[in-house]
C-alpha atoms as a PDB file:
ATOM      1  CA  MET A   1     128.706  87.611 169.443  1.00  0.00           C
ATOM      2  CA  LEU A   2     132.182  88.932 170.315  1.00  0.00           C
ATOM      3  CA  ARG A   3     133.511  85.396 170.617  1.00  0.00           C
ATOM      4  CA  GLY A   4     132.190  84.593 167.131  1.00  0.00           C
ATOM      5  CA  VAL A   5     133.918  87.643 165.642  1.00  0.00           C
ATOM      6  CA  ALA A   6     137.149  86.647 167.404  1.00  0.00           C
ATOM      7  CA  THR A   7     136.889  83.124 166.001  1.00  0.00           C
ATOM      8  CA  ARG A   8     136.365  84.451 162.474  1.00  0.00           C
ATOM      9  CA  SER A   9     139.278  86.869 162.927  1.00  0.00           C
ATOM     10  CA  ASP A  10     141.507  83.997 164.019  1.00  0.00           C
ATOM     11  CA  ARG A  11     140.556  82.116 160.833  1.00  0.00           C
ATOM     12  CA  VAL A  12     141.382  85.175 158.714  1.00  0.00           C
ATOM     13  CA  ILE A  13     144.740  85.491 160.483  1.00  0.00           C
ATOM     14  CA  ALA A  14     145.506  81.824 159.839  1.00  0.00           C
ATOM     15  CA  ARG A  15     144.777  82.331 156.135  1.00  0.00           C
ATOM     16  CA  ILE A  16     146.940  85.470 156.018  1.00  0.00           C
ATOM     17  CA  ARG A  17     149.866  83.716 157.706  1.00  0.00           C
ATOM     18  CA  ALA A  18     149.614  80.877 155.191  1.00  0.00           C
ATOM     19  CA  VAL A  19     150.322  83.306 152.330  1.00  0.00           C
ATOM     20  CA  ALA A  20     153.982  83.870 151.519  1.00  0.00           C
ATOM     21  CA  SER A  21     153.538  87.524 150.507  1.00  0.00           C
ATOM     22  CA  ASN A  22     151.931  90.756 151.649  1.00  0.00           C
ATOM     23  CA  VAL A  23     148.159  90.840 152.144  1.00  0.00           C
ATOM     24  CA  LEU A  24     145.794  93.812 152.050  1.00  0.00           C
ATOM     25  CA  VAL A  25     142.616  93.687 154.137  1.00  0.00           C
ATOM     26  CA  PHE A  26     139.676  96.101 153.943  1.00  0.00           C
ATOM     27  CA  ALA A  27     137.052  95.970 156.681  1.00  0.00           C
ATOM     28  CA  HIS A  28     134.939  97.968 159.089  1.00  0.00           C
ATOM     29  CA  ARG A  29     136.850  99.756 161.852  1.00  0.00           C
ATOM     30  CA  ASP A  30     135.527  97.521 164.633  1.00  0.00           C
ATOM     31  CA  ILE A  31     136.436  94.331 162.771  1.00  0.00           C
ATOM     32  CA  LEU A  32     139.939  95.675 162.141  1.00  0.00           C
ATOM     33  CA  ARG A  33     140.391  96.499 165.825  1.00  0.00           C
ATOM     34  CA  ILE A  34     139.599  92.889 166.679  1.00  0.00           C
ATOM     35  CA  LEU A  35     141.881  91.628 163.921  1.00  0.00           C
ATOM     36  CA  ILE A  36     144.757  93.727 165.298  1.00  0.00           C
ATOM     37  CA  VAL A  37     144.439  92.501 168.882  1.00  0.00           C
ATOM     38  CA  ARG A  38     144.054  88.887 167.792  1.00  0.00           C
ATOM     39  CA  TRP A  39     147.121  89.293 165.512  1.00  0.00           C
ATOM     40  CA  ILE A  40     149.219  90.249 168.541  1.00  0.00           C
ATOM     41  CA  ALA A  41     147.615  87.522 170.697  1.00  0.00           C
ATOM     42  CA  LEU A  42     145.614  89.790 173.005  1.00  0.00           C
ATOM     43  CA  PRO A  43     142.127  88.978 174.273  1.00  0.00           C
ATOM     44  CA  VAL A  44     139.391  90.250 171.963  1.00  0.00           C
ATOM     45  CA  LEU A  45     138.062  92.612 174.640  1.00  0.00           C
ATOM     46  CA  GLU A  46     141.276  94.663 174.342  1.00  0.00           C
ATOM     47  CA  ALA A  47     140.091  95.878 170.918  1.00  0.00           C
ATOM     48  CA  ARG A  48     138.081  98.523 172.749  1.00  0.00           C
ATOM     49  CA  ARG A  49     141.377 100.253 173.582  1.00  0.00           C
ATOM     50  CA  LEU A  50     142.240 100.915 169.923  1.00  0.00           C
ATOM     51  CA  ASP A  51     140.988 104.072 168.262  1.00  0.00           C
ATOM     52  CA  LEU A  52     141.144 103.708 164.488  1.00  0.00           C
ATOM     53  CA  ALA A  53     140.111 106.675 162.397  1.00  0.00           C
ATOM     54  CA  THR A  54     137.921 106.246 159.336  1.00  0.00           C
ATOM     55  CA  THR A  55     140.157 105.340 156.360  1.00  0.00           C
ATOM     56  CA  SER A  56     143.113 104.729 158.665  1.00  0.00           C
ATOM     57  CA  VAL A  57     145.921 102.469 157.542  1.00  0.00           C
ATOM     58  CA  SER A  58     147.417  99.890 159.899  1.00  0.00           C
ATOM     59  CA  THR A  59     150.436  97.686 159.328  1.00  0.00           C
ATOM     60  CA  LEU A  60     150.745  94.302 160.988  1.00  0.00           C
ATOM     61  CA  GLY A  61     153.912  92.301 160.807  1.00  0.00           C
ATOM     62  CA  TYR A  62     156.591  90.524 162.814  1.00  0.00           C
ATOM     63  CA  ASP A  63     159.423  91.759 164.992  1.00  0.00           C
ATOM     64  CA  HIS A  64     162.263  89.209 164.972  1.00  0.00           C
ATOM     65  CA  GLY A  65     160.400  86.274 163.486  1.00  0.00           C
ATOM     66  CA  LEU A  66     157.042  84.692 162.788  1.00  0.00           C
ATOM     67  CA  ASP A  67     156.618  83.933 166.482  1.00  0.00           C
ATOM     68  CA  GLU A  68     156.644  87.666 167.365  1.00  0.00           C
ATOM     69  CA  PRO A  69     153.645  89.342 165.669  1.00  0.00           C
ATOM     70  CA  VAL A  70     153.435  93.128 166.118  1.00  0.00           C
ATOM     71  CA  SER A  71     151.212  96.017 165.159  1.00  0.00           C
ATOM     72  CA  ALA A  72     153.865  98.093 163.415  1.00  0.00           C
ATOM     73  CA  CYS A  73     151.913 101.325 162.897  1.00  0.00           C
ATOM     74  CA  SER A  74     148.507 102.912 162.451  1.00  0.00           C
ATOM     75  CA  THR A  75     147.599 106.296 161.088  1.00  0.00           C
ATOM     76  CA  THR A  76     146.010 108.613 163.627  1.00  0.00           C
ATOM     77  CA  ARG A  77     143.131 111.027 163.330  1.00  0.00           C
ATOM     78  CA  ASP A  78     145.613 113.900 162.896  1.00  0.00           C
ATOM     79  CA  MET A  79     147.453 112.085 160.107  1.00  0.00           C
ATOM     80  CA  HIS A  80     144.110 111.423 158.399  1.00  0.00           C
ATOM     81  CA  SER A  81     143.281 115.136 158.461  1.00  0.00           C
ATOM     82  CA  VAL A  82     146.641 115.988 156.929  1.00  0.00           C
ATOM     83  CA  ALA A  83     146.174 113.359 154.220  1.00  0.00           C
ATOM     84  CA  VAL A  84     142.708 114.680 153.318  1.00  0.00           C
ATOM     85  CA  GLN A  85     144.003 118.264 153.091  1.00  0.00           C
ATOM     86  CA  THR A  86     146.912 117.165 150.913  1.00  0.00           C
ATOM     87  CA  ILE A  87     144.671 115.242 148.493  1.00  0.00           C
ATOM     88  CA  ARG A  88     142.295 118.166 147.986  1.00  0.00           C
END
Protein backbone atom coordinates (compact mmCIF):
# COMPACT_ATOMS: atom_id res chain seq x y z
CA MET A 1 0.00 0.00 0.00
CA LEU A 2 2.77 2.46 0.93
CA ARG A 3 4.56 1.76 -2.33
CA GLY A 4 1.37 2.55 -4.26
CA VAL A 5 0.96 5.88 -2.46
CA ALA A 6 4.62 6.70 -3.19
CA THR A 7 4.12 5.90 -6.87
CA ARG A 8 1.06 8.14 -7.06
CA SER A 9 2.94 10.90 -5.22
CA ASP A 10 5.78 10.64 -7.72
CA ARG A 11 3.26 11.08 -10.56
CA VAL A 12 1.78 14.15 -8.85
CA ILE A 13 5.28 15.59 -8.42
CA ALA A 14 6.05 15.00 -12.10
CA ARG A 15 2.88 16.87 -13.05
CA ILE A 16 3.71 19.74 -10.68
CA ARG A 17 7.24 20.07 -12.06
CA ALA A 18 5.85 20.21 -15.59
CA VAL A 19 3.89 23.37 -14.74
CA ALA A 20 5.76 26.64 -15.21
CA SER A 21 4.07 28.42 -12.29
CA ASN A 22 3.14 27.95 -8.65
CA VAL A 23 0.86 25.06 -7.71
CA LEU A 24 -1.41 24.68 -4.68
CA VAL A 25 -2.14 21.19 -3.37
CA PHE A 26 -4.76 20.23 -0.78
CA ALA A 27 -4.65 16.74 0.70
CA HIS A 28 -4.82 14.67 3.86
CA ARG A 29 -1.90 15.12 6.26
CA ASP A 30 -0.47 11.65 5.66
CA ILE A 31 -0.54 12.07 1.88
CA LEU A 32 1.20 15.44 2.20
CA ARG A 33 3.93 13.93 4.38
CA ILE A 34 4.65 11.40 1.65
CA LEU A 35 4.55 14.09 -1.02
CA ILE A 36 7.11 16.15 0.92
CA VAL A 37 9.61 13.33 1.37
CA ARG A 38 9.26 12.21 -2.24
CA TRP A 39 9.72 15.86 -3.36
CA ILE A 40 13.11 15.94 -1.62
CA ALA A 41 14.00 12.44 -2.88
CA LEU A 42 13.80 10.62 0.46
CA PRO A 43 12.41 7.10 0.87
CA VAL A 44 8.67 7.07 1.53
CA LEU A 45 9.17 5.54 4.98
CA GLU A 46 10.81 8.80 6.12
CA ALA A 47 7.38 10.48 6.00
CA ARG A 48 6.76 9.08 9.47
CA ARG A 49 9.30 11.61 10.78
CA LEU A 50 7.23 14.63 9.70
CA ASP A 51 4.62 16.02 12.05
CA LEU A 52 2.17 18.19 10.13
CA ALA A 53 -0.56 19.91 12.10
CA THR A 54 -4.12 20.00 10.83
CA THR A 55 -4.47 22.94 8.39
CA SER A 56 -0.71 23.40 8.28
CA VAL A 57 0.88 25.10 5.31
CA SER A 58 4.04 23.70 3.72
CA THR A 59 6.15 25.24 0.99
CA LEU A 60 8.15 23.10 -1.40
CA GLY A 61 10.60 24.60 -3.82
CA TYR A 62 14.19 24.56 -5.04
CA ASP A 63 17.43 25.77 -3.53
CA HIS A 64 19.87 26.72 -6.31
CA GLY A 65 18.09 25.09 -9.22
CA LEU A 66 15.57 22.50 -10.34
CA ASP A 67 17.99 19.73 -9.41
CA GLU A 68 17.92 20.76 -5.71
CA PRO A 69 14.35 20.35 -4.39
CA VAL A 70 13.81 21.49 -0.79
CA SER A 71 11.06 21.68 1.78
CA ALA A 72 11.30 25.41 2.44
CA CYS A 73 8.98 25.67 5.46
CA SER A 74 6.01 24.21 7.29
CA THR A 75 3.80 25.76 9.90
CA THR A 76 4.03 24.11 13.30
CA ARG A 77 1.37 23.26 15.84
CA ASP A 78 2.26 26.43 17.79
CA MET A 79 1.93 28.60 14.69
CA HIS A 80 -1.45 27.00 13.97
CA SER A 81 -2.68 27.90 17.46
CA VAL A 82 -1.57 31.50 17.00
CA ALA A 83 -3.29 31.68 13.61
CA VAL A 84 -6.57 30.33 15.02
CA GLN A 85 -6.50 32.84 17.90
CA THR A 86 -5.79 35.70 15.50
CA ILE A 87 -8.67 34.76 13.18
CA ARG A 88 -11.21 34.60 15.99
